[in-house]
Amino acid sequence: MKLNKRILIALCAGLLATGTGIGHAYNKRDIGLINHSSDTIENVYISPTSSGIWSVDRLRDSTLRGGHAVLFDFDGSGYTTCHFDVRLDFQSGESREYYDLNFCNVTAIVVTDDDAYTIQ
């Protein structure tokens, strides 16, 4: 299912504004993850691009079902970089990796059944 970029931007903006999962004080490195796929995301790893290793699972004991969103808060994280790699593990066994995303320029990652899109 291909989604119009304007629809995705509106969805992200609405979630940020309404407090539906990802709305609160925004740090320029904070990143929203919107699962608009039919699969559940079980693990999210976000690491600075320069680290070469994956961080701990940011979802911890939670999952992110389709139609839900979360904001990963980097306030006070100590990171000075804007460039991060992201790995998503799905309940189906699929994994996706995205490299060198500039979190200072990207507001959210929207995951669809086809691929993931970054919203600016």
Protein backbone atom coordinates (compact mmCIF):
# COMPACT_ATOMS: atom_id res chain seq x y z
CA MET A 1 0.00 0.00 0.00
CA LYS A 2 1.59 3.27 -1.11
CA LEU A 3 0.76 6.23 1.09
CA ASN A 4 0.78 9.82 -0.02
CA LYS A 5 3.61 11.74 1.68
CA ARG A 6 1.19 14.55 2.64
CA ILE A 7 -1.03 12.05 4.45
CA LEU A 8 1.98 10.69 6.34
CA ILE A 9 3.10 14.19 7.32
CA ALA A 10 -0.41 15.03 8.52
CA LEU A 11 -0.58 11.79 10.51
CA CYS A 12 2.77 12.48 12.16
CA ALA A 13 1.86 16.09 12.92
CA GLY A 14 -1.47 15.02 14.37
CA LEU A 15 0.16 12.44 16.62
CA LEU A 16 2.71 14.96 17.82
CA ALA A 17 0.03 17.57 18.51
CA THR A 18 -2.56 15.38 20.20
CA GLY A 19 -0.40 13.36 22.53
CA THR A 20 -1.43 10.10 20.87
CA GLY A 21 1.63 8.10 21.74
CA ILE A 22 4.36 10.56 20.77
CA GLY A 23 3.30 14.07 21.81
CA HIS A 24 5.36 15.87 24.45
CA ALA A 25 8.26 18.32 24.62
CA TYR A 26 10.33 17.84 21.49
CA ASN A 27 14.13 17.67 21.41
CA LYS A 28 15.76 18.08 17.99
CA ARG A 29 17.11 14.52 18.21
CA ASP A 30 13.85 12.93 19.40
CA ILE A 31 12.41 10.60 16.79
CA GLY A 32 8.87 9.31 16.39
CA LEU A 33 8.17 5.83 15.11
CA ILE A 34 4.77 5.31 13.53
CA ASN A 35 3.88 1.71 12.71
CA HIS A 36 1.52 1.90 9.77
CA SER A 37 2.17 -1.71 8.80
CA SER A 38 0.13 -4.83 9.45
CA ASP A 39 2.99 -6.38 11.48
CA THR A 40 3.94 -5.76 15.10
CA ILE A 41 7.36 -4.30 15.84
CA GLU A 42 8.96 -6.23 18.69
CA ASN A 43 12.38 -4.57 18.95
CA VAL A 44 13.78 -1.15 18.08
CA TYR A 45 17.51 -0.52 18.22
CA ILE A 46 18.80 3.03 17.72
CA SER A 47 22.53 3.74 17.81
CA PRO A 48 24.79 6.56 16.72
CA THR A 49 26.03 5.81 13.21
CA SER A 50 29.63 6.03 14.38
CA SER A 51 29.21 3.40 17.14
CA GLY A 52 29.19 0.29 14.95
CA ILE A 53 27.03 -1.62 17.48
CA TRP A 54 23.31 -1.75 18.25
CA SER A 55 22.00 -0.22 21.47
CA VAL A 56 19.62 -1.97 23.84
CA ASP A 57 16.04 -2.54 22.69
CA ARG A 58 14.27 0.82 23.08
CA LEU A 59 10.85 -0.83 23.32
CA ARG A 60 12.07 -2.90 26.30
CA ASP A 61 9.20 -5.23 27.21
CA SER A 62 6.68 -3.48 24.94
CA THR A 63 5.70 -3.94 21.31
CA LEU A 64 4.42 -1.49 18.72
CA ARG A 65 1.33 -2.77 16.92
CA GLY A 66 0.16 -1.48 13.56
CA GLY A 67 -1.63 1.85 13.88
CA HIS A 68 0.34 2.89 16.97
CA ALA A 69 3.22 5.31 17.50
CA VAL A 70 5.93 6.08 20.02
CA LEU A 71 8.41 8.90 20.59
CA PHE A 72 11.95 8.02 21.56
CA ASP A 73 13.22 10.77 23.82
CA PHE A 74 16.89 11.64 23.51
CA ASP A 75 16.73 14.56 25.94
CA GLY A 76 19.63 14.21 28.35
CA SER A 77 21.02 11.24 26.42
CA GLY A 78 24.45 12.81 26.10
CA TYR A 79 24.50 12.29 22.34
CA THR A 80 26.16 15.08 20.40
CA THR A 81 25.55 13.54 16.97
CA CYS A 82 22.49 13.83 14.78
CA HIS A 83 23.25 10.69 12.74
CA PHE A 84 21.76 7.39 13.87
CA ASP A 85 21.20 3.87 12.57
CA VAL A 86 17.88 2.14 13.26
CA ARG A 87 17.04 -1.55 13.30
CA LEU A 88 13.45 -2.81 13.55
CA ASP A 89 12.60 -6.45 14.33
CA PHE A 90 9.06 -7.57 13.50
CA GLN A 91 6.90 -10.31 14.99
CA SER A 92 6.94 -12.06 11.58
CA GLY A 93 10.72 -12.47 11.81
CA GLU A 94 11.51 -9.69 9.32
CA SER A 95 14.17 -7.13 10.22
CA ARG A 96 14.81 -3.76 8.60
CA GLU A 97 17.87 -1.58 9.03
CA TYR A 98 18.21 2.09 8.13
CA TYR A 99 21.59 3.75 8.21
CA ASP A 100 22.80 7.30 8.76
CA LEU A 101 19.42 8.93 9.42
CA ASN A 102 19.81 12.58 10.42
CA PHE A 103 17.57 12.87 13.50
CA CYS A 104 18.12 16.64 13.57
CA ASN A 105 16.28 16.88 10.23
CA VAL A 106 13.81 13.97 10.54
CA THR A 107 10.76 14.07 12.80
CA ALA A 108 9.54 10.49 12.45
CA ILE A 109 10.00 7.19 10.73
CA VAL A 110 6.76 5.85 9.31
CA VAL A 111 6.79 2.10 8.74
CA THR A 112 4.51 0.62 6.08
CA ASP A 113 4.15 -2.87 4.68
CA ASP A 114 6.20 -1.81 1.65
CA ASP A 115 9.05 0.11 3.28
CA ALA A 116 9.76 2.86 5.79
CA TYR A 117 9.60 6.55 5.03
CA THR A 118 11.20 9.39 6.90
CA ILE A 119 9.09 12.47 7.47
CA GLN A 120 10.75 15.87 7.46
